[in-house]
Amino acid sequence: MYALGKSFLDGKRNKKWDGDANYQFILNKITQEANTELSIDLDQEHILSLSISESNGKLNLHGLYSERNVKRVKGGCVFVIDIENMSVQTKKTHVLPKQVYEDIYGARRAERKNKKKKELKDFSIDHVLTDSKGGTYLIAEEFYITSSYVNTGATGGYSQIIYHYDDILILKFNNKGDLDWGRSILKKSDYPNYNAFLKDDQLHIILNSVKNLKEKKDGRTDVSKFWLQASALYDIEYQINGEESYNKIQDNKGNKSYSPNEGTYETDKFIMMSAGKRKRNFMTLE
């Protein structure tokens, strides 16, 4: 059994006064006979978390890294661990590819952001999926919280908390820890509404979006969805090379609406439950 955690060096700050990371990641290999510990030191990287996957007799620790702080993303990183010797065999970092910026910002803005290697912000890893060849898909969503003041007139007002579940970042690594491709999904939402799974080594992103997807003049597809908008359930499918297609499963009006974020993928089937508190229904995607 393996356990992975973060150990702070001095206090609980993420950064030292000189700007370096104030923590190490600690990997423990636990057996009946012993507990072997490996400290994973960082150079200039700031990493919020690492996720464990296993392929070809080695452990892979995948994460998002920044050169500024743990809330930002410059690219993806992989630590390949030799589990026999409990040592870091290789460490690789990959900056975000231009396609990630194009999917979010469009070609013109993406050119500037890619040239400057502009870091993204507020992305947290939701899924780490491994295919049959030992490749790994890392899927993260932009999440942050804001507040606004609601004026109720003579009685004053109140502060309202707003949750943002926005763009989705996808990075595909091969079994050697190299980055095959990166994509992103342009999305704005005020509630969690997506899930991800692999079927036949192809990535599927299941989410609720507006009834008719919006395609911008530059070709980007906007899958933003807010309360009170007419909605539909979609499957965004990615080929092994990263090419995407948008497939509508159903219009939700007149049908049961389902919650993909609460679904699960088991025995080659994705199962999700209907939304609401009344009689529950289930949808199975095969």
Protein backbone atom coordinates (compact mmCIF):
# COMPACT_ATOMS: atom_id res chain seq x y z
CA MET A 1 0.00 0.00 0.00
CA TYR A 2 1.15 3.52 -0.74
CA ALA A 3 0.30 6.79 1.00
CA LEU A 4 1.16 10.25 -0.25
CA GLY A 5 1.11 13.44 1.78
CA LYS A 6 2.61 16.91 2.14
CA SER A 7 5.01 17.81 4.95
CA PHE A 8 5.65 21.48 5.74
CA LEU A 9 9.23 22.46 6.58
CA ASP A 10 8.58 25.57 8.72
CA GLY A 11 5.12 26.49 9.91
CA LYS A 12 2.14 26.15 7.57
CA ARG A 13 2.99 28.64 4.84
CA ASN A 14 3.18 27.28 1.30
CA LYS A 15 6.15 29.51 0.49
CA LYS A 16 9.38 30.38 2.30
CA TRP A 17 10.40 34.00 2.62
CA ASP A 18 12.69 33.57 -0.40
CA GLY A 19 9.76 32.34 -2.50
CA ASP A 20 10.66 28.64 -2.64
CA ALA A 21 8.20 25.91 -1.68
CA ASN A 22 7.96 25.42 2.09
CA TYR A 23 7.05 21.72 1.90
CA GLN A 24 7.99 18.31 0.62
CA PHE A 25 5.81 15.52 -0.66
CA ILE A 26 6.27 12.31 1.33
CA LEU A 27 5.53 8.94 -0.26
CA ASN A 28 5.19 5.95 2.08
CA LYS A 29 5.39 2.32 0.98
CA ILE A 30 3.62 0.32 3.69
CA THR A 31 4.03 -3.44 4.01
CA GLN A 32 3.64 -5.92 6.86
CA GLU A 33 7.39 -5.80 7.42
CA ALA A 34 8.20 -2.12 7.14
CA ASN A 35 7.25 1.43 6.27
CA THR A 36 9.63 2.92 3.69
CA GLU A 37 9.55 6.68 3.26
CA LEU A 38 10.60 8.75 0.26
CA SER A 39 10.92 12.53 0.44
CA ILE A 40 10.22 14.27 -2.86
CA ASP A 41 12.01 17.61 -2.96
CA LEU A 42 10.93 20.44 -5.24
CA ASP A 43 13.11 22.87 -7.14
CA GLN A 44 11.31 25.96 -8.41
CA GLU A 45 7.93 24.25 -8.64
CA HIS A 46 4.89 25.07 -6.53
CA ILE A 47 2.45 22.13 -6.51
CA LEU A 48 -0.88 22.05 -4.72
CA SER A 49 -1.24 18.25 -4.80
CA LEU A 50 -0.02 15.09 -6.50
CA SER A 51 -2.09 12.06 -7.52
CA ILE A 52 -0.85 8.46 -7.67
CA SER A 53 -1.26 6.16 -10.66
CA GLU A 54 0.57 2.93 -11.48
CA SER A 55 1.81 1.52 -14.81
CA ASN A 56 4.60 -0.79 -15.99
CA GLY A 57 5.64 -1.60 -12.42
CA LYS A 58 6.25 2.04 -11.52
CA LEU A 59 4.32 4.72 -9.68
CA ASN A 60 3.55 7.98 -11.43
CA LEU A 61 2.81 11.09 -9.40
CA HIS A 62 0.98 13.63 -11.55
CA GLY A 63 0.18 17.21 -10.67
CA LEU A 64 -0.11 20.81 -11.82
CA TYR A 65 2.82 23.10 -11.15
CA SER A 66 3.48 26.81 -11.05
CA GLU A 67 6.55 29.01 -10.74
CA ARG A 68 4.59 31.48 -8.59
CA ASN A 69 2.26 29.81 -6.07
CA VAL A 70 0.05 26.76 -5.56
CA LYS A 71 -3.07 28.54 -6.85
CA ARG A 72 -1.64 28.96 -10.33
CA VAL A 73 -0.82 26.59 -13.19
CA LYS A 74 2.07 26.84 -15.63
CA GLY A 75 1.85 23.21 -16.74
CA GLY A 76 1.80 19.58 -15.72
CA CYS A 77 4.44 17.58 -13.88
CA VAL A 78 5.23 13.89 -13.47
CA PHE A 79 7.44 12.14 -10.92
CA VAL A 80 8.20 8.54 -11.94
CA ILE A 81 8.96 6.44 -8.86
CA ASP A 82 10.98 3.21 -8.88
CA ILE A 83 9.01 1.25 -6.29
CA GLU A 84 11.74 -1.37 -5.80
CA ASN A 85 14.37 1.17 -4.76
CA MET A 86 11.86 3.78 -3.58
CA SER A 87 13.57 6.55 -5.49
CA VAL A 88 12.61 9.23 -7.99
CA GLN A 89 13.62 7.76 -11.34
CA THR A 90 12.67 10.77 -13.45
CA LYS A 91 10.95 14.11 -13.01
CA LYS A 92 9.39 15.92 -15.94
CA THR A 93 7.62 19.26 -16.23
CA HIS A 94 5.63 20.36 -19.27
CA VAL A 95 4.33 23.88 -19.88
CA LEU A 96 0.75 24.25 -21.04
CA PRO A 97 0.49 23.78 -24.81
CA LYS A 98 -0.87 26.58 -26.98
CA GLN A 99 -4.08 24.65 -27.65
CA VAL A 100 -5.10 25.04 -23.98
CA TYR A 101 -5.03 28.83 -24.34
CA GLU A 102 -6.78 28.74 -27.73
CA ASP A 103 -9.69 26.71 -26.35
CA ILE A 104 -10.23 29.27 -23.57
CA TYR A 105 -9.20 32.62 -25.07
CA GLY A 106 -9.30 32.23 -28.84
CA ALA A 107 -6.37 32.29 -31.27
CA ARG A 108 -5.45 35.98 -30.95
CA ARG A 109 -5.29 36.19 -27.16
CA ALA A 110 -3.82 32.69 -26.97
CA GLU A 111 -0.84 33.75 -29.07
CA ARG A 112 0.11 36.40 -26.51
CA LYS A 113 -0.56 34.22 -23.48
CA ASN A 114 1.36 31.28 -24.93
CA LYS A 115 4.32 33.48 -25.84
CA LYS A 116 4.50 34.76 -22.26
CA LYS A 117 3.65 31.30 -20.86
CA LYS A 118 0.92 32.97 -18.86
CA GLU A 119 -0.12 30.91 -15.86
CA LEU A 120 -3.73 29.91 -15.32
CA LYS A 121 -5.33 30.31 -11.90
CA ASP A 122 -7.55 28.42 -9.42
CA PHE A 123 -7.55 24.99 -11.08
CA SER A 124 -7.96 21.91 -8.88
CA ILE A 125 -7.54 18.31 -10.04
CA ASP A 126 -10.81 16.34 -10.07
CA HIS A 127 -9.87 13.19 -12.02
CA VAL A 128 -6.72 11.19 -12.81
CA LEU A 129 -7.56 8.42 -15.30
CA THR A 130 -5.22 5.73 -16.67
CA ASP A 131 -5.73 4.03 -20.04
CA SER A 132 -4.78 0.51 -21.12
CA LYS A 133 -1.35 1.63 -22.40
CA GLY A 134 -0.33 3.28 -19.15
CA GLY A 135 -1.15 6.79 -20.33
CA THR A 136 -2.70 9.22 -17.89
CA TYR A 137 -5.41 11.85 -18.28
CA LEU A 138 -5.39 14.66 -15.75
CA ILE A 139 -8.63 16.67 -15.58
CA ALA A 140 -8.97 19.83 -13.48
CA GLU A 141 -11.66 22.48 -13.06
CA GLU A 142 -11.33 26.18 -12.34
CA PHE A 143 -13.05 26.80 -9.00
CA TYR A 144 -13.19 29.97 -6.92
CA ILE A 145 -15.58 31.88 -4.66
CA THR A 146 -16.66 35.51 -4.80
CA SER A 147 -19.27 37.55 -2.97
CA SER A 148 -21.65 40.35 -3.91
CA TYR A 149 -23.87 42.70 -1.94
CA VAL A 150 -27.61 42.40 -2.53
CA ASN A 151 -29.52 45.60 -1.76
CA THR A 152 -33.01 44.88 -0.39
CA GLY A 153 -34.06 48.51 -0.12
CA ALA A 154 -35.19 50.01 3.18
CA THR A 155 -34.19 46.89 5.10
CA GLY A 156 -30.59 47.20 4.00
CA GLY A 157 -29.09 44.16 2.28
CA TYR A 158 -26.96 41.12 2.64
CA SER A 159 -23.80 39.54 1.29
CA GLN A 160 -24.26 36.69 -1.17
CA ILE A 161 -21.65 33.99 -1.73
CA ILE A 162 -21.15 32.97 -5.39
CA TYR A 163 -19.49 29.70 -6.35
CA HIS A 164 -17.76 29.51 -9.73
CA TYR A 165 -17.26 26.20 -11.53
CA ASP A 166 -15.62 27.34 -14.71
CA ASP A 167 -13.17 26.16 -17.39
CA ILE A 168 -11.96 22.55 -17.53
CA LEU A 169 -8.30 21.71 -18.20
CA ILE A 170 -7.28 18.37 -19.73
CA LEU A 171 -3.68 17.10 -19.99
CA LYS A 172 -2.83 13.75 -21.59
CA PHE A 173 0.49 12.08 -20.63
CA ASN A 174 1.92 8.94 -22.22
CA ASN A 175 3.39 6.04 -20.21
CA LYS A 176 6.85 7.68 -20.28
CA GLY A 177 5.61 10.82 -18.58
CA ASP A 178 5.71 12.97 -21.74
CA LEU A 179 2.83 15.29 -22.55
CA ASP A 180 0.92 14.07 -25.62
CA TRP A 181 -1.57 16.95 -25.76
CA GLY A 182 -3.55 19.45 -23.75
CA ARG A 183 -7.05 20.86 -24.25
CA SER A 184 -9.53 22.93 -22.30
CA ILE A 185 -13.28 23.45 -22.25
CA LEU A 186 -14.71 26.97 -22.14
CA LYS A 187 -17.28 26.88 -19.37
CA LYS A 188 -18.98 29.05 -16.77
CA SER A 189 -21.34 27.64 -14.17
CA ASP A 190 -22.51 28.39 -10.64
CA TYR A 191 -22.86 24.74 -9.62
CA PRO A 192 -20.89 21.50 -10.20
CA ASN A 193 -22.15 19.79 -13.36
CA TYR A 194 -19.56 17.50 -14.97
CA ASN A 195 -17.87 14.11 -14.69
CA ALA A 196 -15.19 12.23 -16.65
CA PHE A 197 -14.37 8.64 -17.53
CA LEU A 198 -12.43 6.53 -20.05
CA LYS A 199 -14.10 3.99 -22.32
CA ASP A 200 -12.02 2.08 -24.88
CA ASP A 201 -9.16 4.49 -24.06
CA GLN A 202 -11.20 7.50 -25.16
CA LEU A 203 -11.99 10.30 -22.74
CA HIS A 204 -15.61 11.33 -22.16
CA ILE A 205 -16.66 14.50 -20.36
CA ILE A 206 -20.35 14.35 -19.37
CA LEU A 207 -22.02 17.63 -18.44
CA ASN A 208 -25.18 19.70 -18.50
CA SER A 209 -25.02 22.80 -20.67
CA VAL A 210 -27.39 25.15 -22.47
CA LYS A 211 -29.91 23.51 -24.79
CA ASN A 212 -28.13 24.88 -27.86
CA LEU A 213 -24.37 25.16 -27.55
CA LYS A 214 -22.86 28.49 -28.43
CA GLU A 215 -20.16 28.56 -31.08
CA LYS A 216 -18.16 31.76 -31.13
CA LYS A 217 -16.97 33.48 -34.31
CA ASP A 218 -13.47 32.09 -33.82
CA GLY A 219 -14.78 28.51 -33.67
CA ARG A 220 -14.66 27.96 -29.90
CA THR A 221 -17.59 26.18 -28.28
CA ASP A 222 -18.98 27.69 -25.08
CA VAL A 223 -20.66 25.16 -22.75
CA SER A 224 -21.59 27.63 -20.01
CA LYS A 225 -24.73 26.83 -18.03
CA PHE A 226 -26.54 28.80 -15.33
CA TRP A 227 -29.74 28.27 -13.38
CA LEU A 228 -33.08 28.89 -15.16
CA GLN A 229 -31.58 28.34 -18.63
CA ALA A 230 -33.03 25.60 -20.84
CA SER A 231 -30.50 22.79 -20.66
CA ALA A 232 -29.34 19.59 -22.31
CA LEU A 233 -27.05 16.72 -21.38
CA TYR A 234 -23.87 16.40 -23.48
CA ASP A 235 -21.03 13.96 -24.00
CA ILE A 236 -17.77 15.63 -25.08
CA GLU A 237 -15.68 12.84 -26.55
CA TYR A 238 -11.91 13.01 -27.10
CA GLN A 239 -10.06 10.81 -29.56
CA ILE A 240 -6.65 9.45 -28.55
CA ASN A 241 -5.00 12.35 -30.45
CA GLY A 242 -7.06 14.99 -28.59
CA GLU A 243 -9.61 15.71 -31.31
CA GLU A 244 -12.97 16.53 -29.73
CA SER A 245 -16.63 16.11 -30.66
CA TYR A 246 -19.79 17.35 -28.92
CA ASN A 247 -22.65 14.87 -28.75
CA LYS A 248 -26.06 15.73 -27.29
CA ILE A 249 -27.54 12.90 -25.21
CA GLN A 250 -30.91 14.56 -24.52
CA ASP A 251 -32.76 17.84 -24.11
CA ASN A 252 -33.66 18.06 -20.45
CA LYS A 253 -37.00 19.79 -20.98
CA GLY A 254 -39.71 17.15 -20.87
CA ASN A 255 -37.23 14.54 -19.64
CA LYS A 256 -35.65 13.69 -16.35
CA SER A 257 -32.59 15.83 -15.65
CA TYR A 258 -29.51 14.01 -14.41
CA SER A 259 -26.50 14.97 -12.29
CA PRO A 260 -23.29 13.80 -14.01
CA ASN A 261 -21.09 15.07 -11.17
CA GLU A 262 -22.67 12.48 -8.86
CA GLY A 263 -22.32 9.61 -11.35
CA THR A 264 -19.88 6.70 -11.34
CA TYR A 265 -18.15 4.56 -13.97
CA GLU A 266 -18.20 0.85 -13.24
CA THR A 267 -17.90 -2.30 -15.44
CA ASP A 268 -17.76 -0.28 -18.67
CA LYS A 269 -20.89 1.72 -17.78
CA PHE A 270 -21.42 5.26 -16.55
CA ILE A 271 -24.40 5.48 -14.20
CA MET A 272 -25.92 8.70 -12.90
CA MET A 273 -28.97 9.60 -10.87
CA SER A 274 -31.73 12.07 -11.68
CA ALA A 275 -31.70 15.47 -10.04
CA GLY A 276 -34.31 16.58 -7.50
CA LYS A 277 -35.67 15.05 -4.32
CA ARG A 278 -38.66 13.20 -5.70
CA LYS A 279 -38.68 9.73 -7.26
CA ARG A 280 -35.17 8.83 -8.38
CA ASN A 281 -34.34 7.53 -11.86
CA PHE A 282 -31.04 6.28 -13.23
CA MET A 283 -29.43 6.69 -16.63
CA THR A 284 -26.80 4.27 -17.90
CA LEU A 285 -24.36 5.15 -20.69
CA GLU A 286 -22.62 2.20 -22.34
